[in-house]
Amino acid sequence: MNLGPTELIIVLLIVLLIFGGTKLPKLARSMGQAQKEFKKGLTEGAKDGDESSEAK
C-alpha cells in the first residue's frame, strides 16, 4: 500500500476532525509510549530467547 502526499493529508484531516485538536497531542503521545513499550518487549523477548537457547 503506497500512500502519496495527498492521501496522507486527507487521512490527517479526517483524524483531526474525529479527535479534535486538543486530544490529538495526547493520542500521539500515547501511541509513542505504546511503540516504545512494544520495542522494549521485543528486545527483552529476544534476550530471553538467546539465554534459553544457550542453556540447552
C-alpha atoms as a PDB file:
ATOM      1  CA  MET A   1       0.000   0.000   0.000  1.00  0.00           C
ATOM      2  CA  ASN A   2       1.650   3.177  -1.186  1.00  0.00           C
ATOM      3  CA  LEU A   3       0.305   6.442   0.222  1.00  0.00           C
ATOM      4  CA  GLY A   4       1.148   9.678  -1.512  1.00  0.00           C
ATOM      5  CA  PRO A   5       1.189  13.149  -0.003  1.00  0.00           C
ATOM      6  CA  THR A   6      -2.418  13.842  -0.976  1.00  0.00           C
ATOM      7  CA  GLU A   7      -3.696  10.701   0.732  1.00  0.00           C
ATOM      8  CA  LEU A   8      -1.682  11.461   3.888  1.00  0.00           C
ATOM      9  CA  ILE A   9      -3.145  14.970   4.091  1.00  0.00           C
ATOM     10  CA  ILE A  10      -6.669  13.588   3.717  1.00  0.00           C
ATOM     11  CA  VAL A  11      -6.057  10.996   6.441  1.00  0.00           C
ATOM     12  CA  LEU A  12      -4.610  13.639   8.779  1.00  0.00           C
ATOM     13  CA  LEU A  13      -7.607  15.914   8.205  1.00  0.00           C
ATOM     14  CA  ILE A  14     -10.027  13.073   8.959  1.00  0.00           C
ATOM     15  CA  VAL A  15      -8.123  12.216  12.150  1.00  0.00           C
ATOM     16  CA  LEU A  16      -8.171  15.882  13.158  1.00  0.00           C
ATOM     17  CA  LEU A  17     -11.933  16.049  12.600  1.00  0.00           C
ATOM     18  CA  ILE A  18     -12.571  12.855  14.570  1.00  0.00           C
ATOM     19  CA  PHE A  19     -10.341  13.511  17.575  1.00  0.00           C
ATOM     20  CA  GLY A  20     -10.128  17.292  17.594  1.00  0.00           C
ATOM     21  CA  GLY A  21      -7.105  19.483  18.144  1.00  0.00           C
ATOM     22  CA  THR A  22      -6.942  19.060  21.905  1.00  0.00           C
ATOM     23  CA  LYS A  23      -6.940  15.259  22.001  1.00  0.00           C
ATOM     24  CA  LEU A  24      -4.514  14.820  19.110  1.00  0.00           C
ATOM     25  CA  PRO A  25      -1.291  15.501  21.107  1.00  0.00           C
ATOM     26  CA  LYS A  26      -2.452  13.109  23.843  1.00  0.00           C
ATOM     27  CA  LEU A  27      -3.214  10.466  21.237  1.00  0.00           C
ATOM     28  CA  ALA A  28       0.197  10.895  19.602  1.00  0.00           C
ATOM     29  CA  ARG A  29       1.944  10.707  22.970  1.00  0.00           C
ATOM     30  CA  SER A  30       0.141   7.527  23.965  1.00  0.00           C
ATOM     31  CA  MET A  31       0.918   5.934  20.599  1.00  0.00           C
ATOM     32  CA  GLY A  32       4.594   6.818  21.048  1.00  0.00           C
ATOM     33  CA  GLN A  33       4.642   5.254  24.504  1.00  0.00           C
ATOM     34  CA  ALA A  34       2.935   2.131  23.192  1.00  0.00           C
ATOM     35  CA  GLN A  35       5.506   1.830  20.413  1.00  0.00           C
ATOM     36  CA  LYS A  36       8.328   2.264  22.933  1.00  0.00           C
ATOM     37  CA  GLU A  37       6.902  -0.470  25.181  1.00  0.00           C
ATOM     38  CA  PHE A  38       6.411  -2.773  22.195  1.00  0.00           C
ATOM     39  CA  LYS A  39      10.055  -2.366  21.111  1.00  0.00           C
ATOM     40  CA  LYS A  40      11.194  -2.893  24.698  1.00  0.00           C
ATOM     41  CA  GLY A  41       9.166  -6.115  24.864  1.00  0.00           C
ATOM     42  CA  LEU A  42      10.669  -7.333  21.601  1.00  0.00           C
ATOM     43  CA  THR A  43      14.239  -6.756  22.769  1.00  0.00           C
ATOM     44  CA  GLU A  44      13.551  -8.407  26.133  1.00  0.00           C
ATOM     45  CA  GLY A  45      11.933 -11.350  24.354  1.00  0.00           C
ATOM     46  CA  ALA A  46      14.943 -11.690  22.077  1.00  0.00           C
ATOM     47  CA  LYS A  47      17.296 -11.635  25.077  1.00  0.00           C
ATOM     48  CA  ASP A  48      15.220 -14.291  26.844  1.00  0.00           C
ATOM     49  CA  GLY A  49      15.229 -16.391  23.695  1.00  0.00           C
ATOM     50  CA  ASP A  50      19.027 -16.119  23.392  1.00  0.00           C
ATOM     51  CA  GLU A  51      19.543 -17.105  27.029  1.00  0.00           C
ATOM     52  CA  SER A  52      17.261 -20.139  26.795  1.00  0.00           C
ATOM     53  CA  SER A  53      18.972 -21.382  23.619  1.00  0.00           C
ATOM     54  CA  GLU A  54      22.418 -21.017  25.270  1.00  0.00           C
ATOM     55  CA  ALA A  55      21.293 -23.046  28.282  1.00  0.00           C
ATOM     56  CA  LYS A  56      20.480 -26.077  26.112  1.00  0.00           C
END
